[in-house]
C-alpha atoms as a PDB file:
ATOM      1  CA  MET A   1     115.173 104.599 125.465  1.00  0.00           C
ATOM      2  CA  THR A   2     112.524 106.957 123.484  1.00  0.00           C
ATOM      3  CA  ARG A   3     113.167 106.715 119.998  1.00  0.00           C
ATOM      4  CA  THR A   4     113.519 109.809 117.368  1.00  0.00           C
ATOM      5  CA  PRO A   5     110.596 110.316 115.131  1.00  0.00           C
ATOM      6  CA  GLN A   6     112.930 109.607 112.301  1.00  0.00           C
ATOM      7  CA  GLU A   7     113.764 106.141 113.902  1.00  0.00           C
ATOM      8  CA  ILE A   8     109.878 105.528 114.209  1.00  0.00           C
ATOM      9  CA  PHE A   9     109.284 106.392 110.325  1.00  0.00           C
ATOM     10  CA  ALA A  10     111.889 103.950 109.640  1.00  0.00           C
ATOM     11  CA  GLN A  11     110.408 101.251 111.131  1.00  0.00           C
ATOM     12  CA  HIS A  12     106.942 102.418 110.187  1.00  0.00           C
ATOM     13  CA  GLY A  13     108.133 102.777 106.488  1.00  0.00           C
ATOM     14  CA  ALA A  14     109.706  99.106 106.717  1.00  0.00           C
ATOM     15  CA  ALA A  15     106.556  97.454 108.241  1.00  0.00           C
ATOM     16  CA  LEU A  16     104.260  99.119 105.725  1.00  0.00           C
ATOM     17  CA  GLY A  17     106.361  97.599 103.021  1.00  0.00           C
ATOM     18  CA  ALA A  18     106.021  94.488 104.453  1.00  0.00           C
ATOM     19  CA  ALA A  19     102.088  94.830 105.136  1.00  0.00           C
ATOM     20  CA  ASP A  20     102.724  94.059 108.552  1.00  0.00           C
ATOM     21  CA  ILE A  21      99.573  95.846 110.152  1.00  0.00           C
ATOM     22  CA  ASP A  22     100.300  94.961 113.768  1.00  0.00           C
ATOM     23  CA  ARG A  23     103.911  96.324 113.543  1.00  0.00           C
ATOM     24  CA  ILE A  24     102.542  99.412 111.557  1.00  0.00           C
ATOM     25  CA  VAL A  25      99.940  99.959 114.630  1.00  0.00           C
ATOM     26  CA  ALA A  26     102.055  99.243 117.369  1.00  0.00           C
ATOM     27  CA  ASP A  27     103.999 102.785 116.175  1.00  0.00           C
ATOM     28  CA  TYR A  28     100.758 104.590 117.367  1.00  0.00           C
ATOM     29  CA  SER A  29      99.593 105.770 120.586  1.00  0.00           C
ATOM     30  CA  ASP A  30      96.776 104.561 122.136  1.00  0.00           C
ATOM     31  CA  ASP A  31      95.012 107.836 121.584  1.00  0.00           C
ATOM     32  CA  ALA A  32      96.027 108.368 117.989  1.00  0.00           C
ATOM     33  CA  VAL A  33      94.001 110.165 115.043  1.00  0.00           C
ATOM     34  CA  PHE A  34      94.104 108.922 112.059  1.00  0.00           C
ATOM     35  CA  ILE A  35      92.582 111.330 109.307  1.00  0.00           C
ATOM     36  CA  THR A  36      91.765 110.686 105.781  1.00  0.00           C
ATOM     37  CA  PRO A  37      89.235 112.147 103.262  1.00  0.00           C
ATOM     38  CA  ARG A  38      87.201 108.990 104.113  1.00  0.00           C
ATOM     39  CA  GLY A  39      86.959 110.283 107.496  1.00  0.00           C
ATOM     40  CA  VAL A  40      88.645 110.522 111.262  1.00  0.00           C
ATOM     41  CA  ARG A  41      89.385 107.644 112.945  1.00  0.00           C
ATOM     42  CA  HIS A  42      90.501 107.243 116.617  1.00  0.00           C
ATOM     43  CA  GLY A  43      92.890 105.106 118.521  1.00  0.00           C
ATOM     44  CA  LYS A  44      94.659 101.996 117.603  1.00  0.00           C
ATOM     45  CA  ASP A  45      91.472 100.197 116.094  1.00  0.00           C
ATOM     46  CA  GLY A  46      91.042 103.174 114.040  1.00  0.00           C
ATOM     47  CA  VAL A  47      94.662 103.152 112.670  1.00  0.00           C
ATOM     48  CA  ARG A  48      94.266  99.852 112.045  1.00  0.00           C
ATOM     49  CA  GLU A  49      91.175 100.315 109.983  1.00  0.00           C
ATOM     50  CA  GLY A  50      92.548 103.222 108.295  1.00  0.00           C
ATOM     51  CA  VAL A  51      95.933 101.152 107.665  1.00  0.00           C
ATOM     52  CA  THR A  52      93.999  98.451 106.138  1.00  0.00           C
ATOM     53  CA  GLU A  53      92.063 100.470 103.604  1.00  0.00           C
ATOM     54  CA  LEU A  54      95.373 101.776 102.362  1.00  0.00           C
ATOM     55  CA  LEU A  55      96.663  98.406 101.915  1.00  0.00           C
ATOM     56  CA  ALA A  56      93.525  97.274 100.314  1.00  0.00           C
ATOM     57  CA  ASP A  57      93.742 100.038  97.919  1.00  0.00           C
ATOM     58  CA  LEU A  58      97.448  99.016  96.878  1.00  0.00           C
ATOM     59  CA  PRO A  59      98.182  95.313  97.813  1.00  0.00           C
ATOM     60  CA  ASP A  60     101.893  94.424  97.344  1.00  0.00           C
ATOM     61  CA  ALA A  61     102.513  98.073  96.315  1.00  0.00           C
ATOM     62  CA  LYS A  62     106.044  99.415  95.394  1.00  0.00           C
ATOM     63  CA  TRP A  63     106.378 102.466  97.528  1.00  0.00           C
ATOM     64  CA  ASP A  64     108.447 105.512  96.468  1.00  0.00           C
ATOM     65  CA  ILE A  65     108.938 108.535  98.952  1.00  0.00           C
ATOM     66  CA  PRO A  66     110.772 111.375  97.426  1.00  0.00           C
ATOM     67  CA  VAL A  67     110.205 114.062  99.620  1.00  0.00           C
ATOM     68  CA  THR A  68     110.661 113.646 103.466  1.00  0.00           C
ATOM     69  CA  LEU A  69     110.754 116.565 105.588  1.00  0.00           C
ATOM     70  CA  PHE A  70     111.028 116.553 109.489  1.00  0.00           C
ATOM     71  CA  GLY A  71     110.456 119.811 111.680  1.00  0.00           C
ATOM     72  CA  LYS A  72     110.953 118.752 115.263  1.00  0.00           C
ATOM     73  CA  ASP A  73     108.157 116.237 116.131  1.00  0.00           C
ATOM     74  CA  VAL A  74     106.227 116.624 112.865  1.00  0.00           C
ATOM     75  CA  LEU A  75     106.959 114.917 109.697  1.00  0.00           C
ATOM     76  CA  PHE A  76     105.463 115.774 105.840  1.00  0.00           C
ATOM     77  CA  ILE A  77     106.123 113.220 103.369  1.00  0.00           C
ATOM     78  CA  GLU A  78     105.173 112.887  99.765  1.00  0.00           C
ATOM     79  CA  TRP A  79     104.906 109.473  98.024  1.00  0.00           C
ATOM     80  CA  SER A  80     103.867 107.391  95.333  1.00  0.00           C
ATOM     81  CA  ALA A  81     103.142 103.710  94.821  1.00  0.00           C
ATOM     82  CA  VAL A  82     102.329 101.264  91.957  1.00  0.00           C
ATOM     83  CA  SER A  83     100.355  98.054  92.796  1.00  0.00           C
ATOM     84  CA  GLY A  84      99.073  95.554  90.069  1.00  0.00           C
ATOM     85  CA  SER A  85      96.457  97.557  88.222  1.00  0.00           C
ATOM     86  CA  ARG A  86      96.256 100.711  90.428  1.00  0.00           C
ATOM     87  CA  ARG A  87      98.556 103.569  91.619  1.00  0.00           C
ATOM     88  CA  ALA A  88      98.737 106.444  93.728  1.00  0.00           C
ATOM     89  CA  ARG A  89     101.122 109.402  92.316  1.00  0.00           C
ATOM     90  CA  ASP A  90     100.090 112.019  94.476  1.00  0.00           C
ATOM     91  CA  GLY A  91     100.412 110.723  98.218  1.00  0.00           C
ATOM     92  CA  ALA A  92     100.692 113.165 101.014  1.00  0.00           C
ATOM     93  CA  ASP A  93     100.788 112.200 104.696  1.00  0.00           C
ATOM     94  CA  THR A  94     101.730 114.354 107.765  1.00  0.00           C
ATOM     95  CA  PHE A  95     102.534 112.720 111.340  1.00  0.00           C
ATOM     96  CA  VAL A  96     102.811 114.283 114.392  1.00  0.00           C
ATOM     97  CA  PHE A  97     105.075 112.383 116.790  1.00  0.00           C
ATOM     98  CA  ASP A  98     104.399 112.397 120.813  1.00  0.00           C
ATOM     99  CA  GLY A  99     107.247 110.823 122.813  1.00  0.00           C
ATOM    100  CA  ASP A 100     107.806 107.622 120.532  1.00  0.00           C
ATOM    101  CA  ARG A 101     104.942 107.118 118.981  1.00  0.00           C
ATOM    102  CA  ILE A 102     102.941 108.595 116.373  1.00  0.00           C
ATOM    103  CA  ARG A 103     100.056 110.805 117.827  1.00  0.00           C
ATOM    104  CA  VAL A 104      98.107 112.132 114.887  1.00  0.00           C
ATOM    105  CA  HIS A 105      98.542 111.091 111.132  1.00  0.00           C
ATOM    106  CA  THR A 106      96.595 112.344 107.946  1.00  0.00           C
ATOM    107  CA  VAL A 107      96.665 110.732 104.789  1.00  0.00           C
ATOM    108  CA  ARG A 108      95.921 111.638 101.243  1.00  0.00           C
ATOM    109  CA  TYR A 109      96.141 110.173  97.790  1.00  0.00           C
ATOM    110  CA  THR A 110      94.123 109.530  94.615  1.00  0.00           C
ATOM    111  CA  LEU A 111      93.990 106.069  93.013  1.00  0.00           C
ATOM    112  CA  GLU A 112      94.233 105.528  89.358  1.00  0.00           C
ATOM    113  CA  SER A 113      94.086 102.817  87.213  1.00  0.00           C
ATOM    114  CA  THR A 114      97.319 101.650  85.424  1.00  0.00           C
ATOM    115  CA  THR A 115      95.628 100.207  82.464  1.00  0.00           C
END
């Protein structure tokens, strides 16, 4: 049974909250594209690199996602996260789904000091 984009994102969010990189990467297609201001990454290895950077920037973060907008196979979110001495208040991601996997994911946020 194919998962809906909403089901994929719910699982993705739970995996992110648990910092479970393997579960996060499993939600992406083999030919996924992961785009951030730091560059474009390809495939599951590229996703792993990008997610590892995000989790290193905001380790053990408390996440808040006040905006979640689905349009067919596309999802836009706005988010914030607080982690120790750092935070991101302006996170914005776009996901494009293909079947029951994430095919394209853009990520943008600014790190700030909380001290």
